[in-house]
Amino acid sequence: MKITHAALAAAIAITASTAVSAADAPQMEKCYGVAKAGKNDCKAGAGTSCAGTSRVDYQGDAWKLVKAGTCTHIRTPKGFGSLTPRT
């Protein structure tokens, strides 16, 4: 199999850009108590199974993925976001 310089350069460029993109992606964390009803990400505690199943706004055991380091700064009518489930 013969590889041209252009093809090799393109393959290297694609690999390098993919690695940079993954490194630049923001880290995410679960933030409890910030989701509106039906807008949570997966697994919202007892009686729910996955995304979109929270029944009330800002349910304490329902979470949303947010940018790491921002959760406890998110203010809701029920208080701030939490890194652990609330009852």
PDB file of N, CA and C in Angstrom:
ATOM      1  N   MET A   1       0.855  -1.174   0.000  1.00  0.00           N
ATOM      2  CA  MET A   1       0.000   0.000   0.000  1.00  0.00           C
ATOM      3  C   MET A   1       0.896   1.231   0.000  1.00  0.00           C
ATOM      4  N   LYS A   2       0.682   2.119  -0.931  1.00  0.00           N
ATOM      5  CA  LYS A   2       1.482   3.333  -1.048  1.00  0.00           C
ATOM      6  C   LYS A   2       0.724   4.506  -0.447  1.00  0.00           C
ATOM      7  N   ILE A   3       1.356   5.211   0.479  1.00  0.00           N
ATOM      8  CA  ILE A   3       0.746   6.372   1.112  1.00  0.00           C
ATOM      9  C   ILE A   3       1.465   7.616   0.617  1.00  0.00           C
ATOM     10  N   THR A   4       0.723   8.560   0.118  1.00  0.00           N
ATOM     11  CA  THR A   4       1.326   9.804  -0.355  1.00  0.00           C
ATOM     12  C   THR A   4       1.601  10.720   0.831  1.00  0.00           C
ATOM     13  N   HIS A   5       2.492  11.679   0.599  1.00  0.00           N
ATOM     14  CA  HIS A   5       2.804  12.642   1.647  1.00  0.00           C
ATOM     15  C   HIS A   5       1.556  13.435   2.042  1.00  0.00           C
ATOM     16  N   ALA A   6       0.734  13.773   1.070  1.00  0.00           N
ATOM     17  CA  ALA A   6      -0.480  14.538   1.358  1.00  0.00           C
ATOM     18  C   ALA A   6      -1.438  13.738   2.233  1.00  0.00           C
ATOM     19  N   ALA A   7      -1.594  12.449   1.922  1.00  0.00           N
ATOM     20  CA  ALA A   7      -2.494  11.602   2.709  1.00  0.00           C
ATOM     21  C   ALA A   7      -1.974  11.437   4.129  1.00  0.00           C
ATOM     22  N   LEU A   8      -0.651  11.256   4.260  1.00  0.00           N
ATOM     23  CA  LEU A   8      -0.056  11.119   5.582  1.00  0.00           C
ATOM     24  C   LEU A   8      -0.215  12.409   6.387  1.00  0.00           C
ATOM     25  N   ALA A   9       0.016  13.543   5.743  1.00  0.00           N
ATOM     26  CA  ALA A   9      -0.138  14.834   6.418  1.00  0.00           C
ATOM     27  C   ALA A   9      -1.580  15.041   6.869  1.00  0.00           C
ATOM     28  N   ALA A  10      -2.533  14.666   6.029  1.00  0.00           N
ATOM     29  CA  ALA A  10      -3.951  14.808   6.379  1.00  0.00           C
ATOM     30  C   ALA A  10      -4.298  13.924   7.576  1.00  0.00           C
ATOM     31  N   ALA A  11      -3.794  12.706   7.589  1.00  0.00           N
ATOM     32  CA  ALA A  11      -4.071  11.792   8.701  1.00  0.00           C
ATOM     33  C   ALA A  11      -3.499  12.335  10.003  1.00  0.00           C
ATOM     34  N   ILE A  12      -2.300  12.890   9.947  1.00  0.00           N
ATOM     35  CA  ILE A  12      -1.684  13.455  11.149  1.00  0.00           C
ATOM     36  C   ILE A  12      -2.477  14.667  11.631  1.00  0.00           C
ATOM     37  N   ALA A  13      -2.906  15.505  10.702  1.00  0.00           N
ATOM     38  CA  ALA A  13      -3.674  16.702  11.068  1.00  0.00           C
ATOM     39  C   ALA A  13      -4.994  16.328  11.730  1.00  0.00           C
ATOM     40  N   ILE A  14      -5.682  15.329  11.189  1.00  0.00           N
ATOM     41  CA  ILE A  14      -6.963  14.887  11.760  1.00  0.00           C
ATOM     42  C   ILE A  14      -6.746  14.335  13.162  1.00  0.00           C
ATOM     43  N   THR A  15      -5.723  13.521  13.339  1.00  0.00           N
ATOM     44  CA  THR A  15      -5.424  12.952  14.652  1.00  0.00           C
ATOM     45  C   THR A  15      -5.104  14.049  15.655  1.00  0.00           C
ATOM     46  N   ALA A  16      -4.297  15.017  15.251  1.00  0.00           N
ATOM     47  CA  ALA A  16      -3.917  16.104  16.156  1.00  0.00           C
ATOM     48  C   ALA A  16      -5.119  16.959  16.529  1.00  0.00           C
ATOM     49  N   SER A  17      -5.987  17.271  15.570  1.00  0.00           N
ATOM     50  CA  SER A  17      -7.148  18.112  15.873  1.00  0.00           C
ATOM     51  C   SER A  17      -8.138  17.391  16.773  1.00  0.00           C
ATOM     52  N   THR A  18      -8.274  16.086  16.625  1.00  0.00           N
ATOM     53  CA  THR A  18      -9.159  15.307  17.486  1.00  0.00           C
ATOM     54  C   THR A  18      -8.642  15.308  18.916  1.00  0.00           C
ATOM     55  N   ALA A  19      -7.336  15.157  19.089  1.00  0.00           N
ATOM     56  CA  ALA A  19      -6.745  15.144  20.425  1.00  0.00           C
ATOM     57  C   ALA A  19      -6.920  16.501  21.100  1.00  0.00           C
ATOM     58  N   VAL A  20      -6.747  17.575  20.375  1.00  0.00           N
ATOM     59  CA  VAL A  20      -6.909  18.910  20.936  1.00  0.00           C
ATOM     60  C   VAL A  20      -8.361  19.148  21.306  1.00  0.00           C
ATOM     61  N   SER A  21      -9.289  18.736  20.457  1.00  0.00           N
ATOM     62  CA  SER A  21     -10.712  18.929  20.734  1.00  0.00           C
ATOM     63  C   SER A  21     -11.129  18.216  22.015  1.00  0.00           C
ATOM     64  N   ALA A  22     -10.666  16.994  22.207  1.00  0.00           N
ATOM     65  CA  ALA A  22     -11.015  16.243  23.413  1.00  0.00           C
ATOM     66  C   ALA A  22     -10.431  16.914  24.649  1.00  0.00           C
ATOM     67  N   ALA A  23      -9.218  17.435  24.524  1.00  0.00           N
ATOM     68  CA  ALA A  23      -8.577  18.087  25.667  1.00  0.00           C
ATOM     69  C   ALA A  23      -9.268  19.400  26.011  1.00  0.00           C
ATOM     70  N   ASP A  24      -9.837  20.083  25.005  1.00  0.00           N
ATOM     71  CA  ASP A  24     -10.496  21.358  25.229  1.00  0.00           C
ATOM     72  C   ASP A  24     -11.924  21.215  25.723  1.00  0.00           C
ATOM     73  N   ALA A  25     -12.474  20.007  25.659  1.00  0.00           N
ATOM     74  CA  ALA A  25     -13.854  19.799  26.094  1.00  0.00           C
ATOM     75  C   ALA A  25     -13.959  20.081  27.594  1.00  0.00           C
ATOM     76  N   PRO A  26     -14.981  20.835  28.002  1.00  0.00           N
ATOM     77  CA  PRO A  26     -15.097  21.156  29.431  1.00  0.00           C
ATOM     78  C   PRO A  26     -15.416  19.913  30.250  1.00  0.00           C
ATOM     79  N   GLN A  27     -14.871  19.844  31.430  1.00  0.00           N
ATOM     80  CA  GLN A  27     -15.195  18.763  32.349  1.00  0.00           C
ATOM     81  C   GLN A  27     -16.593  19.044  32.890  1.00  0.00           C
ATOM     82  N   MET A  28     -17.359  17.995  33.075  1.00  0.00           N
ATOM     83  CA  MET A  28     -18.739  18.140  33.527  1.00  0.00           C
ATOM     84  C   MET A  28     -18.919  17.417  34.859  1.00  0.00           C
ATOM     85  N   GLU A  29     -19.924  17.863  35.634  1.00  0.00           N
ATOM     86  CA  GLU A  29     -20.249  17.204  36.893  1.00  0.00           C
ATOM     87  C   GLU A  29     -21.763  17.193  37.081  1.00  0.00           C
ATOM     88  N   LYS A  30     -22.220  16.241  37.885  1.00  0.00           N
ATOM     89  CA  LYS A  30     -23.640  16.169  38.219  1.00  0.00           C
ATOM     90  C   LYS A  30     -23.967  17.268  39.213  1.00  0.00           C
ATOM     91  N   CYS A  31     -25.056  17.977  38.951  1.00  0.00           N
ATOM     92  CA  CYS A  31     -25.503  19.034  39.850  1.00  0.00           C
ATOM     93  C   CYS A  31     -26.958  18.756  40.226  1.00  0.00           C
ATOM     94  N   TYR A  32     -27.176  18.503  41.507  1.00  0.00           N
ATOM     95  CA  TYR A  32     -28.505  18.151  42.000  1.00  0.00           C
ATOM     96  C   TYR A  32     -29.313  19.388  42.356  1.00  0.00           C
ATOM     97  N   GLY A  33     -30.622  19.302  42.114  1.00  0.00           N
ATOM     98  CA  GLY A  33     -31.540  20.342  42.542  1.00  0.00           C
ATOM     99  C   GLY A  33     -31.632  21.547  41.621  1.00  0.00           C
ATOM    100  N   VAL A  34     -31.139  21.432  40.386  1.00  0.00           N
ATOM    101  CA  VAL A  34     -31.178  22.584  39.478  1.00  0.00           C
ATOM    102  C   VAL A  34     -32.043  22.354  38.244  1.00  0.00           C
ATOM    103  N   ALA A  35     -32.539  21.141  38.064  1.00  0.00           N
ATOM    104  CA  ALA A  35     -33.315  20.811  36.863  1.00  0.00           C
ATOM    105  C   ALA A  35     -34.789  21.184  37.026  1.00  0.00           C
ATOM    106  N   LYS A  36     -35.366  21.688  35.964  1.00  0.00           N
ATOM    107  CA  LYS A  36     -36.813  21.920  35.934  1.00  0.00           C
ATOM    108  C   LYS A  36     -37.495  20.557  35.772  1.00  0.00           C
ATOM    109  N   ALA A  37     -38.759  20.458  36.121  1.00  0.00           N
ATOM    110  CA  ALA A  37     -39.511  19.207  35.998  1.00  0.00           C
ATOM    111  C   ALA A  37     -39.409  18.671  34.575  1.00  0.00           C
ATOM    112  N   GLY A  38     -39.046  17.401  34.467  1.00  0.00           N
ATOM    113  CA  GLY A  38     -38.943  16.752  33.172  1.00  0.00           C
ATOM    114  C   GLY A  38     -37.704  17.113  32.373  1.00  0.00           C
ATOM    115  N   LYS A  39     -36.792  17.868  32.942  1.00  0.00           N
ATOM    116  CA  LYS A  39     -35.591  18.307  32.217  1.00  0.00           C
ATOM    117  C   LYS A  39     -34.300  17.771  32.829  1.00  0.00           C
ATOM    118  N   ASN A  40     -34.396  16.830  33.762  1.00  0.00           N
ATOM    119  CA  ASN A  40     -33.199  16.267  34.395  1.00  0.00           C
ATOM    120  C   ASN A  40     -32.468  15.334  33.439  1.00  0.00           C
ATOM    121  N   ASP A  41     -31.194  15.111  33.741  1.00  0.00           N
ATOM    122  CA  ASP A  41     -30.439  14.103  33.020  1.00  0.00           C
ATOM    123  C   ASP A  41     -30.727  12.773  33.698  1.00  0.00           C
ATOM    124  N   CYS A  42     -30.092  11.717  33.317  1.00  0.00           N
ATOM    125  CA  CYS A  42     -30.452  10.363  33.731  1.00  0.00           C
ATOM    126  C   CYS A  42     -30.441  10.122  35.248  1.00  0.00           C
ATOM    127  N   LYS A  43     -31.348   9.256  35.713  1.00  0.00           N
ATOM    128  CA  LYS A  43     -31.501   8.763  37.085  1.00  0.00           C
ATOM    129  C   LYS A  43     -31.801   9.856  38.096  1.00  0.00           C
ATOM    130  N   ALA A  44     -33.039  10.005  38.417  1.00  0.00           N
ATOM    131  CA  ALA A  44     -33.470  11.048  39.352  1.00  0.00           C
ATOM    132  C   ALA A  44     -34.036  10.479  40.640  1.00  0.00           C
ATOM    133  N   GLY A  45     -33.418   9.452  41.168  1.00  0.00           N
ATOM    134  CA  GLY A  45     -33.822   8.922  42.464  1.00  0.00           C
ATOM    135  C   GLY A  45     -34.994   7.955  42.405  1.00  0.00           C
ATOM    136  N   ALA A  46     -35.475   7.601  43.573  1.00  0.00           N
ATOM    137  CA  ALA A  46     -36.553   6.622  43.702  1.00  0.00           C
ATOM    138  C   ALA A  46     -37.789   7.056  42.922  1.00  0.00           C
ATOM    139  N   GLY A  47     -38.372   6.119  42.201  1.00  0.00           N
ATOM    140  CA  GLY A  47     -39.591   6.404  41.448  1.00  0.00           C
ATOM    141  C   GLY A  47     -39.339   6.985  40.066  1.00  0.00           C
ATOM    142  N   THR A  48     -38.087   7.187  39.718  1.00  0.00           N
ATOM    143  CA  THR A  48     -37.749   7.677  38.383  1.00  0.00           C
ATOM    144  C   THR A  48     -36.704   6.755  37.779  1.00  0.00           C
ATOM    145  N   SER A  49     -36.579   6.790  36.479  1.00  0.00           N
ATOM    146  CA  SER A  49     -35.639   5.880  35.840  1.00  0.00           C
ATOM    147  C   SER A  49     -34.534   6.588  35.075  1.00  0.00           C
ATOM    148  N   CYS A  50     -34.871   7.640  34.369  1.00  0.00           N
ATOM    149  CA  CYS A  50     -33.827   8.248  33.555  1.00  0.00           C
ATOM    150  C   CYS A  50     -34.189   9.673  33.158  1.00  0.00           C
ATOM    151  N   ALA A  51     -33.530  10.159  32.124  1.00  0.00           N
ATOM    152  CA  ALA A  51     -33.677  11.551  31.696  1.00  0.00           C
ATOM    153  C   ALA A  51     -35.136  11.947  31.507  1.00  0.00           C
ATOM    154  N   GLY A  52     -35.449  13.151  31.970  1.00  0.00           N
ATOM    155  CA  GLY A  52     -36.778  13.700  31.767  1.00  0.00           C
ATOM    156  C   GLY A  52     -37.850  13.163  32.682  1.00  0.00           C
ATOM    157  N   THR A  53     -37.468  12.491  33.758  1.00  0.00           N
ATOM    158  CA  THR A  53     -38.485  11.862  34.614  1.00  0.00           C
ATOM    159  C   THR A  53     -38.726  12.574  35.943  1.00  0.00           C
ATOM    160  N   SER A  54     -38.009  13.658  36.204  1.00  0.00           N
ATOM    161  CA  SER A  54     -38.266  14.367  37.467  1.00  0.00           C
ATOM    162  C   SER A  54     -39.663  14.973  37.413  1.00  0.00           C
ATOM    163  N   ARG A  55     -40.320  15.005  38.550  1.00  0.00           N
ATOM    164  CA  ARG A  55     -41.724  15.418  38.579  1.00  0.00           C
ATOM    165  C   ARG A  55     -41.945  16.858  39.024  1.00  0.00           C
ATOM    166  N   VAL A  56     -40.971  17.436  39.696  1.00  0.00           N
ATOM    167  CA  VAL A  56     -41.120  18.808  40.183  1.00  0.00           C
ATOM    168  C   VAL A  56     -39.871  19.620  39.832  1.00  0.00           C
ATOM    169  N   ASP A  57     -40.029  20.914  39.737  1.00  0.00           N
ATOM    170  CA  ASP A  57     -38.884  21.787  39.498  1.00  0.00           C
ATOM    171  C   ASP A  57     -37.911  21.694  40.669  1.00  0.00           C
ATOM    172  N   TYR A  58     -36.647  21.642  40.358  1.00  0.00           N
ATOM    173  CA  TYR A  58     -35.559  21.671  41.336  1.00  0.00           C
ATOM    174  C   TYR A  58     -35.617  20.510  42.326  1.00  0.00           C
ATOM    175  N   GLN A  59     -36.066  19.356  41.849  1.00  0.00           N
ATOM    176  CA  GLN A  59     -36.140  18.143  42.668  1.00  0.00           C
ATOM    177  C   GLN A  59     -34.743  17.827  43.210  1.00  0.00           C
ATOM    178  N   GLY A  60     -34.614  17.625  44.506  1.00  0.00           N
ATOM    179  CA  GLY A  60     -33.320  17.470  45.164  1.00  0.00           C
ATOM    180  C   GLY A  60     -32.511  16.255  44.773  1.00  0.00           C
ATOM    181  N   ASP A  61     -33.172  15.200  44.274  1.00  0.00           N
ATOM    182  CA  ASP A  61     -32.419  14.015  43.869  1.00  0.00           C
ATOM    183  C   ASP A  61     -32.321  13.880  42.352  1.00  0.00           C
ATOM    184  N   ALA A  62     -32.708  14.914  41.631  1.00  0.00           N
ATOM    185  CA  ALA A  62     -32.588  14.931  40.164  1.00  0.00           C
ATOM    186  C   ALA A  62     -31.399  15.813  39.803  1.00  0.00           C
ATOM    187  N   TRP A  63     -30.624  15.371  38.814  1.00  0.00           N
ATOM    188  CA  TRP A  63     -29.436  16.140  38.467  1.00  0.00           C
ATOM    189  C   TRP A  63     -29.376  16.506  36.991  1.00  0.00           C
ATOM    190  N   LYS A  64     -28.579  17.530  36.718  1.00  0.00           N
ATOM    191  CA  LYS A  64     -28.228  17.963  35.355  1.00  0.00           C
ATOM    192  C   LYS A  64     -26.707  17.968  35.285  1.00  0.00           C
ATOM    193  N   LEU A  65     -26.169  17.672  34.134  1.00  0.00           N
ATOM    194  CA  LEU A  65     -24.732  17.832  33.952  1.00  0.00           C
ATOM    195  C   LEU A  65     -24.450  19.304  33.701  1.00  0.00           C
ATOM    196  N   VAL A  66     -23.500  19.843  34.445  1.00  0.00           N
ATOM    197  CA  VAL A  66     -23.095  21.242  34.298  1.00  0.00           C
ATOM    198  C   VAL A  66     -21.574  21.293  34.227  1.00  0.00           C
ATOM    199  N   LYS A  67     -21.047  22.397  33.777  1.00  0.00           N
ATOM    200  CA  LYS A  67     -19.602  22.570  33.703  1.00  0.00           C
ATOM    201  C   LYS A  67     -19.016  22.451  35.117  1.00  0.00           C
ATOM    202  N   ALA A  68     -17.954  21.669  35.242  1.00  0.00           N
ATOM    203  CA  ALA A  68     -17.315  21.451  36.545  1.00  0.00           C
ATOM    204  C   ALA A  68     -16.976  22.780  37.206  1.00  0.00           C
ATOM    205  N   GLY A  69     -17.274  22.864  38.489  1.00  0.00           N
ATOM    206  CA  GLY A  69     -16.971  24.053  39.273  1.00  0.00           C
ATOM    207  C   GLY A  69     -18.080  25.088  39.307  1.00  0.00           C
ATOM    208  N   THR A  70     -19.179  24.838  38.598  1.00  0.00           N
ATOM    209  CA  THR A  70     -20.263  25.829  38.559  1.00  0.00           C
ATOM    210  C   THR A  70     -21.482  25.439  39.389  1.00  0.00           C
ATOM    211  N   CYS A  71     -21.614  24.184  39.729  1.00  0.00           N
ATOM    212  CA  CYS A  71     -22.833  23.680  40.362  1.00  0.00           C
ATOM    213  C   CYS A  71     -23.250  24.468  41.601  1.00  0.00           C
ATOM    214  N   THR A  72     -22.357  24.603  42.533  1.00  0.00           N
ATOM    215  CA  THR A  72     -22.734  25.223  43.810  1.00  0.00           C
ATOM    216  C   THR A  72     -22.937  26.733  43.707  1.00  0.00           C
ATOM    217  N   HIS A  73     -22.749  27.282  42.505  1.00  0.00           N
ATOM    218  CA  HIS A  73     -22.992  28.707  42.270  1.00  0.00           C
ATOM    219  C   HIS A  73     -24.326  28.946  41.556  1.00  0.00           C
ATOM    220  N   ILE A  74     -24.993  27.854  41.162  1.00  0.00           N
ATOM    221  CA  ILE A  74     -26.275  27.975  40.462  1.00  0.00           C
ATOM    222  C   ILE A  74     -27.367  28.196  41.498  1.00  0.00           C
ATOM    223  N   ARG A  75     -28.052  29.336  41.405  1.00  0.00           N
ATOM    224  CA  ARG A  75     -29.102  29.682  42.368  1.00  0.00           C
ATOM    225  C   ARG A  75     -30.467  29.326  41.781  1.00  0.00           C
ATOM    226  N   THR A  76     -31.299  28.687  42.579  1.00  0.00           N
ATOM    227  CA  THR A  76     -32.676  28.367  42.196  1.00  0.00           C
ATOM    228  C   THR A  76     -33.594  28.922  43.282  1.00  0.00           C
ATOM    229  N   PRO A  77     -34.905  28.903  43.061  1.00  0.00           N
ATOM    230  CA  PRO A  77     -35.828  29.344  44.118  1.00  0.00           C
ATOM    231  C   PRO A  77     -35.740  28.487  45.386  1.00  0.00           C
ATOM    232  N   LYS A  78     -35.130  27.289  45.263  1.00  0.00           N
ATOM    233  CA  LYS A  78     -35.000  26.398  46.423  1.00  0.00           C
ATOM    234  C   LYS A  78     -33.578  26.389  46.984  1.00  0.00           C
ATOM    235  N   GLY A  79     -32.753  27.322  46.574  1.00  0.00           N
ATOM    236  CA  GLY A  79     -31.373  27.364  47.075  1.00  0.00           C
ATOM    237  C   GLY A  79     -30.377  27.125  45.946  1.00  0.00           C
ATOM    238  N   PHE A  80     -29.164  26.793  46.319  1.00  0.00           N
ATOM    239  CA  PHE A  80     -28.092  26.574  45.344  1.00  0.00           C
ATOM    240  C   PHE A  80     -28.023  25.119  44.933  1.00  0.00           C
ATOM    241  N   GLY A  81     -27.385  24.868  43.781  1.00  0.00           N
ATOM    242  CA  GLY A  81     -27.143  23.510  43.325  1.00  0.00           C
ATOM    243  C   GLY A  81     -26.260  22.777  44.313  1.00  0.00           C
ATOM    244  N   SER A  82     -26.317  21.453  44.280  1.00  0.00           N
ATOM    245  CA  SER A  82     -25.573  20.626  45.214  1.00  0.00           C
ATOM    246  C   SER A  82     -24.844  19.515  44.467  1.00  0.00           C
ATOM    247  N   LEU A  83     -23.655  19.156  44.923  1.00  0.00           N
ATOM    248  CA  LEU A  83     -22.909  18.048  44.325  1.00  0.00           C
ATOM    249  C   LEU A  83     -23.375  16.691  44.844  1.00  0.00           C
ATOM    250  N   THR A  84     -24.262  16.697  45.838  1.00  0.00           N
ATOM    251  CA  THR A  84     -24.821  15.461  46.378  1.00  0.00           C
ATOM    252  C   THR A  84     -26.353  15.567  46.377  1.00  0.00           C
ATOM    253  N   PRO A  85     -27.040  14.438  46.274  1.00  0.00           N
ATOM    254  CA  PRO A  85     -28.504  14.471  46.271  1.00  0.00           C
ATOM    255  C   PRO A  85     -29.058  15.059  47.574  1.00  0.00           C
ATOM    256  N   ARG A  86     -30.173  15.752  47.432  1.00  0.00           N
ATOM    257  CA  ARG A  86     -30.883  16.323  48.595  1.00  0.00           C
ATOM    258  C   ARG A  86     -32.249  15.673  48.687  1.00  0.00           C
ATOM    259  N   THR A  87     -32.734  15.527  49.884  1.00  0.00           N
ATOM    260  CA  THR A  87     -34.077  14.933  50.047  1.00  0.00           C
ATOM    261  C   THR A  87     -35.082  15.999  50.367  1.00  0.00           C
TER     262      THR A  87
END
